[in-house]
């Protein structure tokens, strides 16, 4: 019976077989998805007969331990070993990922073979997760949530953004996060009006919005979540903005199901924020897929042409950002199973003053 990697290789190869004889994979996350290999350098070739993994002596033992497919050792140059396989298999048309480096493209271009660029072919297959992948993502969610709860007491006036970020990153690692998917975002006061602010030496003050955006890693898979709080005391305007974002978050999640267009989910959140008068203050997409990359398909945006499918895992993260007073973002992760939405994140999102 084919294993999961053979099934994944077949799904990807079936997408390009009409135009190509083989598909060269250089993206390491895609190589891991298709073979199980976790090293920092390899090249994979997908053919109708299966997958070939090209490694040098540094990774041979690791590949033999981890990887599915046929492992081929190269000594000086992977391109020579690759071309010998291409000649042996009589491959005339070679697909390649359009994200490959210029160096790799130049090496391929010097060969006497037709080259066909491919865009997001593996990533499109990756967008639909199997149960094992979903379980790993859920464990990454659990680690992130436990870490946050353990350091939540640090989020208070007279503590710096950087101190909170460092405490959370340390706790993530102590609880088993194998990597930090992105620098922890702690954005307070006016800084919270910048969606991708990281952390600074600014000290939290009473009346601040403070956005915390963080994630964890487990077995190669990531989590990503955001909560927003008020420090000390809140104005009625702040309370109102928070409730608008919360309602947008809930409305978008309620729209999530198999068969719905991703842009419909975005529209649900965006319309509610626009109707409240803050449309110009919500400038990013409503969500994105999460898996081996913290940002991957599907994109939940007004431009997306994707239809949501069972097995897709993605964020729902509407926000309102006002330059002089700060911002609010509430981000949950969801999965589509049996045509319905299931929320993976479990932290409360009611308005809270710390």
C-alpha atoms as a PDB file:
ATOM      1  CA  UNK A   1       0.000   0.000   0.000  1.00  0.00           C
ATOM      2  CA  UNK A   2       1.405   3.457  -0.897  1.00  0.00           C
ATOM      3  CA  UNK A   3       2.609   5.490   2.083  1.00  0.00           C
ATOM      4  CA  UNK A   4       1.662   9.099   2.697  1.00  0.00           C
ATOM      5  CA  UNK A   5       4.727  10.392   0.866  1.00  0.00           C
ATOM      6  CA  UNK A   6       4.018   8.317  -2.230  1.00  0.00           C
ATOM      7  CA  UNK A   7       0.457   9.655  -2.212  1.00  0.00           C
ATOM      8  CA  UNK A   8       1.686  13.226  -1.937  1.00  0.00           C
ATOM      9  CA  UNK A   9       4.192  12.751  -4.764  1.00  0.00           C
ATOM     10  CA  UNK A  10       1.454  11.334  -6.979  1.00  0.00           C
ATOM     11  CA  UNK A  11      -0.902  14.230  -6.231  1.00  0.00           C
ATOM     12  CA  UNK A  12       1.751  16.756  -7.168  1.00  0.00           C
ATOM     13  CA  UNK A  13       2.982  14.858 -10.228  1.00  0.00           C
ATOM     14  CA  UNK A  14      -0.572  14.509 -11.519  1.00  0.00           C
ATOM     15  CA  UNK A  15      -0.810  18.309 -11.557  1.00  0.00           C
ATOM     16  CA  UNK A  16       2.112  18.733 -13.981  1.00  0.00           C
ATOM     17  CA  UNK A  17       2.165  15.486 -15.977  1.00  0.00           C
ATOM     18  CA  UNK A  18       0.251  16.993 -18.905  1.00  0.00           C
ATOM     19  CA  UNK A  19       3.048  19.501 -19.518  1.00  0.00           C
ATOM     20  CA  UNK A  20       6.148  17.802 -18.132  1.00  0.00           C
ATOM     21  CA  UNK A  21       7.981  14.505 -17.724  1.00  0.00           C
ATOM     22  CA  UNK A  22       9.397  15.352 -14.290  1.00  0.00           C
ATOM     23  CA  UNK A  23       9.303  18.034 -11.609  1.00  0.00           C
ATOM     24  CA  UNK A  24      12.401  19.390  -9.863  1.00  0.00           C
ATOM     25  CA  UNK A  25      11.750  20.461  -6.261  1.00  0.00           C
ATOM     26  CA  UNK A  26      14.182  22.848  -4.530  1.00  0.00           C
ATOM     27  CA  UNK A  27      12.027  24.351  -1.756  1.00  0.00           C
ATOM     28  CA  UNK A  28      13.110  22.556   1.432  1.00  0.00           C
ATOM     29  CA  UNK A  29       9.639  22.732   3.013  1.00  0.00           C
ATOM     30  CA  UNK A  30       8.219  21.086  -0.105  1.00  0.00           C
ATOM     31  CA  UNK A  31      10.974  18.459  -0.034  1.00  0.00           C
ATOM     32  CA  UNK A  32      10.115  17.676   3.572  1.00  0.00           C
ATOM     33  CA  UNK A  33       6.423  17.416   2.691  1.00  0.00           C
ATOM     34  CA  UNK A  34       7.095  15.048  -0.210  1.00  0.00           C
ATOM     35  CA  UNK A  35       9.839  12.881   1.315  1.00  0.00           C
ATOM     36  CA  UNK A  36      10.046  13.421   5.074  1.00  0.00           C
ATOM     37  CA  UNK A  37      13.659  14.656   4.796  1.00  0.00           C
ATOM     38  CA  UNK A  38      14.416  17.441   7.283  1.00  0.00           C
ATOM     39  CA  UNK A  39      17.965  18.416   6.328  1.00  0.00           C
ATOM     40  CA  UNK A  40      19.114  21.856   5.222  1.00  0.00           C
ATOM     41  CA  UNK A  41      20.106  20.897   1.670  1.00  0.00           C
ATOM     42  CA  UNK A  42      18.668  18.501  -0.888  1.00  0.00           C
ATOM     43  CA  UNK A  43      17.126  18.406  -4.353  1.00  0.00           C
ATOM     44  CA  UNK A  44      14.152  16.217  -5.233  1.00  0.00           C
ATOM     45  CA  UNK A  45      12.973  14.979  -8.619  1.00  0.00           C
ATOM     46  CA  UNK A  46       9.412  13.754  -9.062  1.00  0.00           C
ATOM     47  CA  UNK A  47       8.725  11.341 -11.913  1.00  0.00           C
ATOM     48  CA  UNK A  48       5.970   8.980 -12.903  1.00  0.00           C
ATOM     49  CA  UNK A  49       7.960   6.193 -11.221  1.00  0.00           C
ATOM     50  CA  UNK A  50       8.352   8.019  -7.901  1.00  0.00           C
ATOM     51  CA  UNK A  51      10.682  10.443  -6.163  1.00  0.00           C
ATOM     52  CA  UNK A  52      14.477  10.754  -6.250  1.00  0.00           C
ATOM     53  CA  UNK A  53      16.240  12.617  -3.454  1.00  0.00           C
ATOM     54  CA  UNK A  54      19.737  14.010  -4.170  1.00  0.00           C
ATOM     55  CA  UNK A  55      21.974  14.595  -1.142  1.00  0.00           C
ATOM     56  CA  UNK A  56      25.687  14.885  -0.419  1.00  0.00           C
ATOM     57  CA  UNK A  57      27.669  12.935   2.187  1.00  0.00           C
ATOM     58  CA  UNK A  58      26.661  15.322   5.005  1.00  0.00           C
ATOM     59  CA  UNK A  59      23.049  14.223   4.798  1.00  0.00           C
ATOM     60  CA  UNK A  60      23.262  10.655   3.530  1.00  0.00           C
ATOM     61  CA  UNK A  61      22.676   8.936   6.883  1.00  0.00           C
ATOM     62  CA  UNK A  62      19.934  11.389   7.790  1.00  0.00           C
ATOM     63  CA  UNK A  63      18.205  10.862   4.456  1.00  0.00           C
ATOM     64  CA  UNK A  64      18.424   7.084   4.823  1.00  0.00           C
ATOM     65  CA  UNK A  65      16.786   7.421   8.226  1.00  0.00           C
ATOM     66  CA  UNK A  66      14.091   9.964   7.359  1.00  0.00           C
ATOM     67  CA  UNK A  67      13.323  10.029   3.669  1.00  0.00           C
ATOM     68  CA  UNK A  68      10.968   8.134   1.425  1.00  0.00           C
ATOM     69  CA  UNK A  69      11.859   7.595  -2.236  1.00  0.00           C
ATOM     70  CA  UNK A  70      15.167   6.662  -3.839  1.00  0.00           C
ATOM     71  CA  UNK A  71      18.180   8.394  -2.299  1.00  0.00           C
ATOM     72  CA  UNK A  72      21.012   9.345  -4.647  1.00  0.00           C
ATOM     73  CA  UNK A  73      24.392  10.489  -3.333  1.00  0.00           C
ATOM     74  CA  UNK A  74      26.276  13.117  -5.307  1.00  0.00           C
ATOM     75  CA  UNK A  75      29.933  13.964  -4.684  1.00  0.00           C
ATOM     76  CA  UNK A  76      30.803  17.150  -6.544  1.00  0.00           C
ATOM     77  CA  UNK A  77      27.685  18.562  -8.129  1.00  0.00           C
ATOM     78  CA  UNK A  78      24.049  17.572  -7.822  1.00  0.00           C
ATOM     79  CA  UNK A  79      23.408  18.867 -11.352  1.00  0.00           C
ATOM     80  CA  UNK A  80      25.634  16.161 -12.875  1.00  0.00           C
ATOM     81  CA  UNK A  81      23.887  13.402 -10.928  1.00  0.00           C
ATOM     82  CA  UNK A  82      20.502  14.900 -11.795  1.00  0.00           C
ATOM     83  CA  UNK A  83      21.303  15.041 -15.505  1.00  0.00           C
ATOM     84  CA  UNK A  84      22.423  11.409 -15.489  1.00  0.00           C
ATOM     85  CA  UNK A  85      19.000  10.438 -14.118  1.00  0.00           C
ATOM     86  CA  UNK A  86      17.280  12.704 -16.641  1.00  0.00           C
ATOM     87  CA  UNK A  87      19.201  11.051 -19.481  1.00  0.00           C
ATOM     88  CA  UNK A  88      18.530   7.572 -18.122  1.00  0.00           C
ATOM     89  CA  UNK A  89      14.789   8.271 -17.818  1.00  0.00           C
ATOM     90  CA  UNK A  90      14.646  10.062 -21.183  1.00  0.00           C
ATOM     91  CA  UNK A  91      13.151  13.159 -19.592  1.00  0.00           C
ATOM     92  CA  UNK A  92      12.613  15.837 -22.244  1.00  0.00           C
ATOM     93  CA  UNK A  93      10.491  18.404 -20.384  1.00  0.00           C
ATOM     94  CA  UNK A  94      11.469  19.378 -16.861  1.00  0.00           C
ATOM     95  CA  UNK A  95       9.240  21.426 -14.583  1.00  0.00           C
ATOM     96  CA  UNK A  96      10.846  23.496 -11.843  1.00  0.00           C
ATOM     97  CA  UNK A  97       9.578  25.664  -9.009  1.00  0.00           C
ATOM     98  CA  UNK A  98       9.520  29.325 -10.005  1.00  0.00           C
ATOM     99  CA  UNK A  99      10.841  30.210  -6.532  1.00  0.00           C
ATOM    100  CA  UNK A 100      14.180  28.468  -7.118  1.00  0.00           C
ATOM    101  CA  UNK A 101      17.340  30.561  -6.854  1.00  0.00           C
ATOM    102  CA  UNK A 102      18.861  32.247  -9.875  1.00  0.00           C
ATOM    103  CA  UNK A 103      21.945  30.079  -9.380  1.00  0.00           C
ATOM    104  CA  UNK A 104      19.903  26.889  -9.704  1.00  0.00           C
ATOM    105  CA  UNK A 105      17.978  28.259 -12.677  1.00  0.00           C
ATOM    106  CA  UNK A 106      21.236  29.173 -14.413  1.00  0.00           C
ATOM    107  CA  UNK A 107      22.572  25.658 -13.894  1.00  0.00           C
ATOM    108  CA  UNK A 108      19.402  24.179 -15.368  1.00  0.00           C
ATOM    109  CA  UNK A 109      19.364  26.628 -18.269  1.00  0.00           C
ATOM    110  CA  UNK A 110      22.781  25.397 -19.421  1.00  0.00           C
ATOM    111  CA  UNK A 111      21.406  21.883 -19.884  1.00  0.00           C
ATOM    112  CA  UNK A 112      19.839  20.726 -23.146  1.00  0.00           C
ATOM    113  CA  UNK A 113      16.342  20.246 -21.811  1.00  0.00           C
ATOM    114  CA  UNK A 114      13.035  22.099 -22.027  1.00  0.00           C
ATOM    115  CA  UNK A 115      12.314  23.961 -18.779  1.00  0.00           C
ATOM    116  CA  UNK A 116       8.775  24.678 -17.591  1.00  0.00           C
ATOM    117  CA  UNK A 117       8.210  26.955 -14.574  1.00  0.00           C
ATOM    118  CA  UNK A 118       5.551  25.930 -12.080  1.00  0.00           C
ATOM    119  CA  UNK A 119       3.905  28.171  -9.495  1.00  0.00           C
ATOM    120  CA  UNK A 120       2.579  26.929  -6.127  1.00  0.00           C
ATOM    121  CA  UNK A 121       1.920  23.378  -7.302  1.00  0.00           C
ATOM    122  CA  UNK A 122       3.202  21.649  -4.154  1.00  0.00           C
ATOM    123  CA  UNK A 123       1.870  24.451  -1.963  1.00  0.00           C
ATOM    124  CA  UNK A 124      -1.631  23.945  -3.374  1.00  0.00           C
ATOM    125  CA  UNK A 125      -1.539  20.270  -2.402  1.00  0.00           C
ATOM    126  CA  UNK A 126      -0.074  21.191   0.991  1.00  0.00           C
ATOM    127  CA  UNK A 127      -3.052  23.464   1.686  1.00  0.00           C
ATOM    128  CA  UNK A 128      -5.205  20.395   2.461  1.00  0.00           C
ATOM    129  CA  UNK A 129      -3.878  18.739   5.608  1.00  0.00           C
ATOM    130  CA  UNK A 130      -4.268  15.117   6.654  1.00  0.00           C
ATOM    131  CA  UNK A 131      -5.121  14.201  10.237  1.00  0.00           C
ATOM    132  CA  UNK A 132      -1.492  13.705  11.227  1.00  0.00           C
ATOM    133  CA  UNK A 133      -0.668  17.226  10.090  1.00  0.00           C
ATOM    134  CA  UNK A 134      -3.706  18.658  11.867  1.00  0.00           C
ATOM    135  CA  UNK A 135      -2.686  16.869  15.064  1.00  0.00           C
ATOM    136  CA  UNK A 136       0.798  18.404  14.869  1.00  0.00           C
ATOM    137  CA  UNK A 137      -0.683  21.870  14.322  1.00  0.00           C
ATOM    138  CA  UNK A 138      -3.002  21.377  17.289  1.00  0.00           C
ATOM    139  CA  UNK A 139      -0.001  20.462  19.462  1.00  0.00           C
ATOM    140  CA  UNK A 140       1.724  23.647  18.287  1.00  0.00           C
ATOM    141  CA  UNK A 141      -1.415  25.560  19.273  1.00  0.00           C
ATOM    142  CA  UNK A 142      -1.468  23.918  22.703  1.00  0.00           C
ATOM    143  CA  UNK A 143       2.191  24.773  23.363  1.00  0.00           C
ATOM    144  CA  UNK A 144       1.625  28.387  22.348  1.00  0.00           C
ATOM    145  CA  UNK A 145      -1.452  28.762  24.528  1.00  0.00           C
ATOM    146  CA  UNK A 146       0.152  27.205  27.609  1.00  0.00           C
ATOM    147  CA  UNK A 147       3.232  29.393  27.191  1.00  0.00           C
ATOM    148  CA  UNK A 148       1.102  32.509  26.957  1.00  0.00           C
ATOM    149  CA  UNK A 149      -0.936  31.696  30.029  1.00  0.00           C
ATOM    150  CA  UNK A 150       2.267  31.060  31.974  1.00  0.00           C
ATOM    151  CA  UNK A 151       3.613  34.553  31.241  1.00  0.00           C
ATOM    152  CA  UNK A 152       0.351  36.509  31.040  1.00  0.00           C
ATOM    153  CA  UNK A 153       1.021  37.999  34.479  1.00  0.00           C
ATOM    154  CA  UNK A 154       3.964  39.870  32.935  1.00  0.00           C
ATOM    155  CA  UNK A 155       1.650  41.933  30.702  1.00  0.00           C
ATOM    156  CA  UNK A 156       1.153  45.011  32.840  1.00  0.00           C
ATOM    157  CA  UNK A 157       2.120  48.647  33.215  1.00  0.00           C
ATOM    158  CA  UNK A 158       5.818  49.499  33.597  1.00  0.00           C
ATOM    159  CA  UNK A 159       6.970  46.317  31.816  1.00  0.00           C
ATOM    160  CA  UNK A 160       8.633  46.716  28.409  1.00  0.00           C
ATOM    161  CA  UNK A 161       7.427  45.145  25.183  1.00  0.00           C
ATOM    162  CA  UNK A 162      10.791  43.439  24.829  1.00  0.00           C
ATOM    163  CA  UNK A 163      10.644  41.886  28.304  1.00  0.00           C
ATOM    164  CA  UNK A 164       7.243  40.371  27.554  1.00  0.00           C
ATOM    165  CA  UNK A 165       8.407  39.063  24.165  1.00  0.00           C
ATOM    166  CA  UNK A 166      11.541  37.484  25.657  1.00  0.00           C
ATOM    167  CA  UNK A 167       9.538  35.883  28.472  1.00  0.00           C
ATOM    168  CA  UNK A 168       7.078  34.404  25.989  1.00  0.00           C
ATOM    169  CA  UNK A 169       9.777  33.127  23.617  1.00  0.00           C
ATOM    170  CA  UNK A 170      11.642  31.509  26.517  1.00  0.00           C
ATOM    171  CA  UNK A 171       8.467  29.847  27.775  1.00  0.00           C
ATOM    172  CA  UNK A 172       7.648  28.561  24.303  1.00  0.00           C
ATOM    173  CA  UNK A 173      11.016  26.822  24.137  1.00  0.00           C
ATOM    174  CA  UNK A 174      10.752  25.471  27.673  1.00  0.00           C
ATOM    175  CA  UNK A 175       7.400  23.903  26.800  1.00  0.00           C
ATOM    176  CA  UNK A 176       8.796  22.164  23.723  1.00  0.00           C
ATOM    177  CA  UNK A 177       8.413  24.534  20.795  1.00  0.00           C
ATOM    178  CA  UNK A 178      11.108  23.231  18.445  1.00  0.00           C
ATOM    179  CA  UNK A 179      11.383  26.632  16.781  1.00  0.00           C
ATOM    180  CA  UNK A 180       9.790  30.067  16.983  1.00  0.00           C
ATOM    181  CA  UNK A 181       7.851  30.603  13.726  1.00  0.00           C
ATOM    182  CA  UNK A 182       8.317  34.390  13.834  1.00  0.00           C
ATOM    183  CA  UNK A 183       9.584  36.950  16.363  1.00  0.00           C
ATOM    184  CA  UNK A 184       6.933  37.432  19.036  1.00  0.00           C
ATOM    185  CA  UNK A 185       4.989  40.631  18.373  1.00  0.00           C
ATOM    186  CA  UNK A 186       4.338  42.781  21.437  1.00  0.00           C
ATOM    187  CA  UNK A 187       2.944  46.130  20.312  1.00  0.00           C
ATOM    188  CA  UNK A 188       1.650  48.672  22.823  1.00  0.00           C
ATOM    189  CA  UNK A 189       0.185  52.144  22.605  1.00  0.00           C
ATOM    190  CA  UNK A 190       0.825  53.792  19.237  1.00  0.00           C
ATOM    191  CA  UNK A 191       3.020  50.821  18.272  1.00  0.00           C
ATOM    192  CA  UNK A 192      -0.094  48.631  18.175  1.00  0.00           C
ATOM    193  CA  UNK A 193      -1.259  50.584  15.122  1.00  0.00           C
ATOM    194  CA  UNK A 194       1.510  48.808  13.156  1.00  0.00           C
ATOM    195  CA  UNK A 195       0.366  45.218  12.405  1.00  0.00           C
ATOM    196  CA  UNK A 196       3.868  43.705  12.184  1.00  0.00           C
ATOM    197  CA  UNK A 197       5.625  45.632  14.927  1.00  0.00           C
ATOM    198  CA  UNK A 198       7.937  43.276  16.819  1.00  0.00           C
ATOM    199  CA  UNK A 199       8.941  44.583  20.234  1.00  0.00           C
ATOM    200  CA  UNK A 200      10.862  47.548  21.599  1.00  0.00           C
ATOM    201  CA  UNK A 201      12.018  48.970  24.903  1.00  0.00           C
ATOM    202  CA  UNK A 202       8.794  50.956  25.203  1.00  0.00           C
ATOM    203  CA  UNK A 203       7.176  50.436  28.597  1.00  0.00           C
ATOM    204  CA  UNK A 204       3.469  49.628  28.772  1.00  0.00           C
ATOM    205  CA  UNK A 205       1.326  52.404  30.199  1.00  0.00           C
ATOM    206  CA  UNK A 206      -2.201  52.666  31.547  1.00  0.00           C
ATOM    207  CA  UNK A 207      -4.676  53.150  28.713  1.00  0.00           C
ATOM    208  CA  UNK A 208      -2.564  51.261  26.137  1.00  0.00           C
ATOM    209  CA  UNK A 209      -3.853  48.743  23.718  1.00  0.00           C
ATOM    210  CA  UNK A 210      -1.321  45.889  23.680  1.00  0.00           C
ATOM    211  CA  UNK A 211      -1.311  43.332  20.864  1.00  0.00           C
ATOM    212  CA  UNK A 212       0.427  39.985  21.463  1.00  0.00           C
ATOM    213  CA  UNK A 213       0.955  37.876  18.313  1.00  0.00           C
ATOM    214  CA  UNK A 214       2.900  34.634  18.684  1.00  0.00           C
ATOM    215  CA  UNK A 215       3.133  30.970  17.704  1.00  0.00           C
ATOM    216  CA  UNK A 216       4.926  27.710  18.353  1.00  0.00           C
ATOM    217  CA  UNK A 217       6.385  24.839  16.344  1.00  0.00           C
ATOM    218  CA  UNK A 218       5.809  21.098  16.688  1.00  0.00           C
ATOM    219  CA  UNK A 219       7.193  18.414  14.357  1.00  0.00           C
ATOM    220  CA  UNK A 220       7.735  21.011  11.654  1.00  0.00           C
ATOM    221  CA  UNK A 221       4.240  22.513  11.869  1.00  0.00           C
ATOM    222  CA  UNK A 222       3.366  25.937  13.243  1.00  0.00           C
ATOM    223  CA  UNK A 223       0.681  27.825  15.094  1.00  0.00           C
ATOM    224  CA  UNK A 224      -0.162  31.533  14.925  1.00  0.00           C
ATOM    225  CA  UNK A 225      -2.526  33.486  17.189  1.00  0.00           C
ATOM    226  CA  UNK A 226      -3.169  37.001  18.486  1.00  0.00           C
ATOM    227  CA  UNK A 227      -4.901  38.546  21.475  1.00  0.00           C
ATOM    228  CA  UNK A 228      -5.305  42.223  22.380  1.00  0.00           C
ATOM    229  CA  UNK A 229      -5.652  43.716  25.855  1.00  0.00           C
ATOM    230  CA  UNK A 230      -6.005  47.094  27.549  1.00  0.00           C
ATOM    231  CA  UNK A 231      -3.629  48.121  30.306  1.00  0.00           C
ATOM    232  CA  UNK A 232      -5.127  49.682  33.436  1.00  0.00           C
ATOM    233  CA  UNK A 233      -8.162  51.503  32.102  1.00  0.00           C
ATOM    234  CA  UNK A 234     -10.087  51.801  28.851  1.00  0.00           C
ATOM    235  CA  UNK A 235     -12.108  54.511  27.128  1.00  0.00           C
ATOM    236  CA  UNK A 236     -15.523  53.857  25.612  1.00  0.00           C
ATOM    237  CA  UNK A 237     -13.981  54.314  22.157  1.00  0.00           C
ATOM    238  CA  UNK A 238     -11.414  51.604  22.874  1.00  0.00           C
ATOM    239  CA  UNK A 239     -14.099  49.245  24.154  1.00  0.00           C
ATOM    240  CA  UNK A 240     -16.161  49.893  21.024  1.00  0.00           C
ATOM    241  CA  UNK A 241     -13.250  49.237  18.646  1.00  0.00           C
ATOM    242  CA  UNK A 242     -12.449  46.009  20.459  1.00  0.00           C
ATOM    243  CA  UNK A 243     -16.036  44.774  20.180  1.00  0.00           C
ATOM    244  CA  UNK A 244     -16.127  45.620  16.472  1.00  0.00           C
ATOM    245  CA  UNK A 245     -13.020  43.515  15.827  1.00  0.00           C
ATOM    246  CA  UNK A 246     -14.343  40.683  17.989  1.00  0.00           C
ATOM    247  CA  UNK A 247     -17.641  40.649  16.083  1.00  0.00           C
ATOM    248  CA  UNK A 248     -15.731  40.646  12.785  1.00  0.00           C
ATOM    249  CA  UNK A 249     -13.656  37.691  13.981  1.00  0.00           C
ATOM    250  CA  UNK A 250     -16.745  35.729  15.039  1.00  0.00           C
ATOM    251  CA  UNK A 251     -18.666  36.611  11.864  1.00  0.00           C
ATOM    252  CA  UNK A 252     -15.801  35.445   9.624  1.00  0.00           C
ATOM    253  CA  UNK A 253     -15.404  32.183  11.524  1.00  0.00           C
ATOM    254  CA  UNK A 254     -19.120  31.510  11.192  1.00  0.00           C
ATOM    255  CA  UNK A 255     -18.722  31.849   7.405  1.00  0.00           C
ATOM    256  CA  UNK A 256     -16.060  29.151   7.241  1.00  0.00           C
ATOM    257  CA  UNK A 257     -17.115  25.851   5.709  1.00  0.00           C
ATOM    258  CA  UNK A 258     -16.162  23.563   2.852  1.00  0.00           C
ATOM    259  CA  UNK A 259     -17.181  24.990  -0.506  1.00  0.00           C
ATOM    260  CA  UNK A 260     -17.293  28.645   0.522  1.00  0.00           C
ATOM    261  CA  UNK A 261     -15.013  31.059  -1.316  1.00  0.00           C
ATOM    262  CA  UNK A 262     -12.136  32.425   0.738  1.00  0.00           C
ATOM    263  CA  UNK A 263     -13.044  35.965  -0.309  1.00  0.00           C
ATOM    264  CA  UNK A 264     -16.507  35.479   1.212  1.00  0.00           C
ATOM    265  CA  UNK A 265     -14.873  34.918   4.605  1.00  0.00           C
ATOM    266  CA  UNK A 266     -12.807  38.076   4.108  1.00  0.00           C
ATOM    267  CA  UNK A 267     -15.885  40.004   3.025  1.00  0.00           C
ATOM    268  CA  UNK A 268     -17.798  38.999   6.154  1.00  0.00           C
ATOM    269  CA  UNK A 269     -15.181  40.491   8.451  1.00  0.00           C
ATOM    270  CA  UNK A 270     -14.449  43.488   6.225  1.00  0.00           C
ATOM    271  CA  UNK A 271     -18.078  44.518   5.765  1.00  0.00           C
ATOM    272  CA  UNK A 272     -18.701  44.587   9.505  1.00  0.00           C
ATOM    273  CA  UNK A 273     -15.641  46.772  10.107  1.00  0.00           C
ATOM    274  CA  UNK A 274     -16.545  49.048   7.179  1.00  0.00           C
ATOM    275  CA  UNK A 275     -20.124  49.453   8.397  1.00  0.00           C
ATOM    276  CA  UNK A 276     -18.733  50.547  11.768  1.00  0.00           C
ATOM    277  CA  UNK A 277     -16.738  53.295  10.035  1.00  0.00           C
ATOM    278  CA  UNK A 278     -13.284  51.739  10.267  1.00  0.00           C
ATOM    279  CA  UNK A 279     -12.883  50.257   6.789  1.00  0.00           C
ATOM    280  CA  UNK A 280      -9.777  52.328   6.027  1.00  0.00           C
ATOM    281  CA  UNK A 281      -8.204  51.029   9.238  1.00  0.00           C
ATOM    282  CA  UNK A 282      -8.291  47.366   8.181  1.00  0.00           C
ATOM    283  CA  UNK A 283      -5.621  47.100   5.537  1.00  0.00           C
ATOM    284  CA  UNK A 284      -4.510  43.473   5.526  1.00  0.00           C
ATOM    285  CA  UNK A 285      -6.083  40.149   4.525  1.00  0.00           C
ATOM    286  CA  UNK A 286      -8.421  38.418   6.965  1.00  0.00           C
ATOM    287  CA  UNK A 287      -6.282  35.291   7.176  1.00  0.00           C
ATOM    288  CA  UNK A 288      -3.784  32.825   5.751  1.00  0.00           C
ATOM    289  CA  UNK A 289      -2.999  29.140   5.808  1.00  0.00           C
ATOM    290  CA  UNK A 290      -0.665  27.716   8.441  1.00  0.00           C
ATOM    291  CA  UNK A 291       1.330  24.493   8.237  1.00  0.00           C
ATOM    292  CA  UNK A 292       4.998  23.826   7.457  1.00  0.00           C
ATOM    293  CA  UNK A 293       5.149  27.576   6.812  1.00  0.00           C
ATOM    294  CA  UNK A 294       3.489  30.071   9.099  1.00  0.00           C
ATOM    295  CA  UNK A 295       2.110  31.864   6.034  1.00  0.00           C
ATOM    296  CA  UNK A 296       0.924  29.572   3.251  1.00  0.00           C
ATOM    297  CA  UNK A 297      -2.168  28.746   1.211  1.00  0.00           C
ATOM    298  CA  UNK A 298      -5.054  29.389   1.370  1.00  0.00           C
ATOM    299  CA  UNK A 299      -5.005  33.172   1.495  1.00  0.00           C
ATOM    300  CA  UNK A 300      -8.192  34.562   3.016  1.00  0.00           C
ATOM    301  CA  UNK A 301      -8.440  37.850   1.145  1.00  0.00           C
ATOM    302  CA  UNK A 302     -10.697  39.835  -1.159  1.00  0.00           C
ATOM    303  CA  UNK A 303      -8.549  38.807  -4.159  1.00  0.00           C
ATOM    304  CA  UNK A 304      -8.497  35.088  -3.429  1.00  0.00           C
ATOM    305  CA  UNK A 305     -10.130  32.746  -5.956  1.00  0.00           C
ATOM    306  CA  UNK A 306      -9.764  29.690  -3.703  1.00  0.00           C
ATOM    307  CA  UNK A 307     -12.673  27.652  -2.441  1.00  0.00           C
ATOM    308  CA  UNK A 308     -12.270  26.334   1.085  1.00  0.00           C
ATOM    309  CA  UNK A 309     -11.917  22.543   1.334  1.00  0.00           C
ATOM    310  CA  UNK A 310     -11.950  19.978   4.103  1.00  0.00           C
ATOM    311  CA  UNK A 311      -8.530  19.723   5.715  1.00  0.00           C
ATOM    312  CA  UNK A 312      -7.602  23.368   5.239  1.00  0.00           C
ATOM    313  CA  UNK A 313      -6.118  25.090   8.292  1.00  0.00           C
ATOM    314  CA  UNK A 314      -5.993  28.888   8.362  1.00  0.00           C
ATOM    315  CA  UNK A 315      -6.178  31.968  10.530  1.00  0.00           C
ATOM    316  CA  UNK A 316      -9.016  34.443  10.948  1.00  0.00           C
ATOM    317  CA  UNK A 317      -7.480  37.730  12.086  1.00  0.00           C
ATOM    318  CA  UNK A 318      -9.376  40.954  11.395  1.00  0.00           C
ATOM    319  CA  UNK A 319      -7.978  44.133  12.893  1.00  0.00           C
ATOM    320  CA  UNK A 320      -8.473  47.875  13.248  1.00  0.00           C
ATOM    321  CA  UNK A 321      -5.385  50.124  13.419  1.00  0.00           C
ATOM    322  CA  UNK A 322      -5.556  53.842  14.203  1.00  0.00           C
ATOM    323  CA  UNK A 323      -2.259  55.681  13.927  1.00  0.00           C
ATOM    324  CA  UNK A 324      -2.542  57.989  16.936  1.00  0.00           C
ATOM    325  CA  UNK A 325      -4.302  55.663  19.370  1.00  0.00           C
ATOM    326  CA  UNK A 326      -3.282  52.096  18.597  1.00  0.00           C
ATOM    327  CA  UNK A 327      -4.875  48.952  17.238  1.00  0.00           C
ATOM    328  CA  UNK A 328      -6.746  45.742  17.924  1.00  0.00           C
ATOM    329  CA  UNK A 329      -6.314  42.332  16.283  1.00  0.00           C
ATOM    330  CA  UNK A 330      -7.932  39.067  17.310  1.00  0.00           C
ATOM    331  CA  UNK A 331      -6.542  35.994  15.565  1.00  0.00           C
ATOM    332  CA  UNK A 332      -7.791  32.436  15.811  1.00  0.00           C
ATOM    333  CA  UNK A 333      -6.808  29.309  13.906  1.00  0.00           C
ATOM    334  CA  UNK A 334      -9.486  27.090  12.379  1.00  0.00           C
ATOM    335  CA  UNK A 335      -9.674  23.792  10.491  1.00  0.00           C
ATOM    336  CA  UNK A 336     -12.385  22.575   8.153  1.00  0.00           C
ATOM    337  CA  UNK A 337     -13.529  19.025   8.938  1.00  0.00           C
ATOM    338  CA  UNK A 338     -16.623  17.232   7.673  1.00  0.00           C
ATOM    339  CA  UNK A 339     -17.592  20.437   5.826  1.00  0.00           C
ATOM    340  CA  UNK A 340     -17.704  22.463   9.053  1.00  0.00           C
ATOM    341  CA  UNK A 341     -15.389  24.798  10.876  1.00  0.00           C
ATOM    342  CA  UNK A 342     -13.612  23.815  14.073  1.00  0.00           C
ATOM    343  CA  UNK A 343     -11.729  26.429  16.082  1.00  0.00           C
ATOM    344  CA  UNK A 344      -8.256  25.189  17.051  1.00  0.00           C
ATOM    345  CA  UNK A 345      -7.357  28.083  19.354  1.00  0.00           C
ATOM    346  CA  UNK A 346      -9.001  28.091  22.755  1.00  0.00           C
ATOM    347  CA  UNK A 347      -7.957  31.281  24.543  1.00  0.00           C
ATOM    348  CA  UNK A 348     -10.762  33.639  25.632  1.00  0.00           C
ATOM    349  CA  UNK A 349     -11.279  36.705  23.452  1.00  0.00           C
ATOM    350  CA  UNK A 350     -13.626  38.753  25.610  1.00  0.00           C
ATOM    351  CA  UNK A 351     -12.538  42.336  26.299  1.00  0.00           C
ATOM    352  CA  UNK A 352     -10.028  42.277  29.141  1.00  0.00           C
ATOM    353  CA  UNK A 353      -8.216  44.950  31.139  1.00  0.00           C
ATOM    354  CA  UNK A 354      -4.885  43.870  32.619  1.00  0.00           C
END
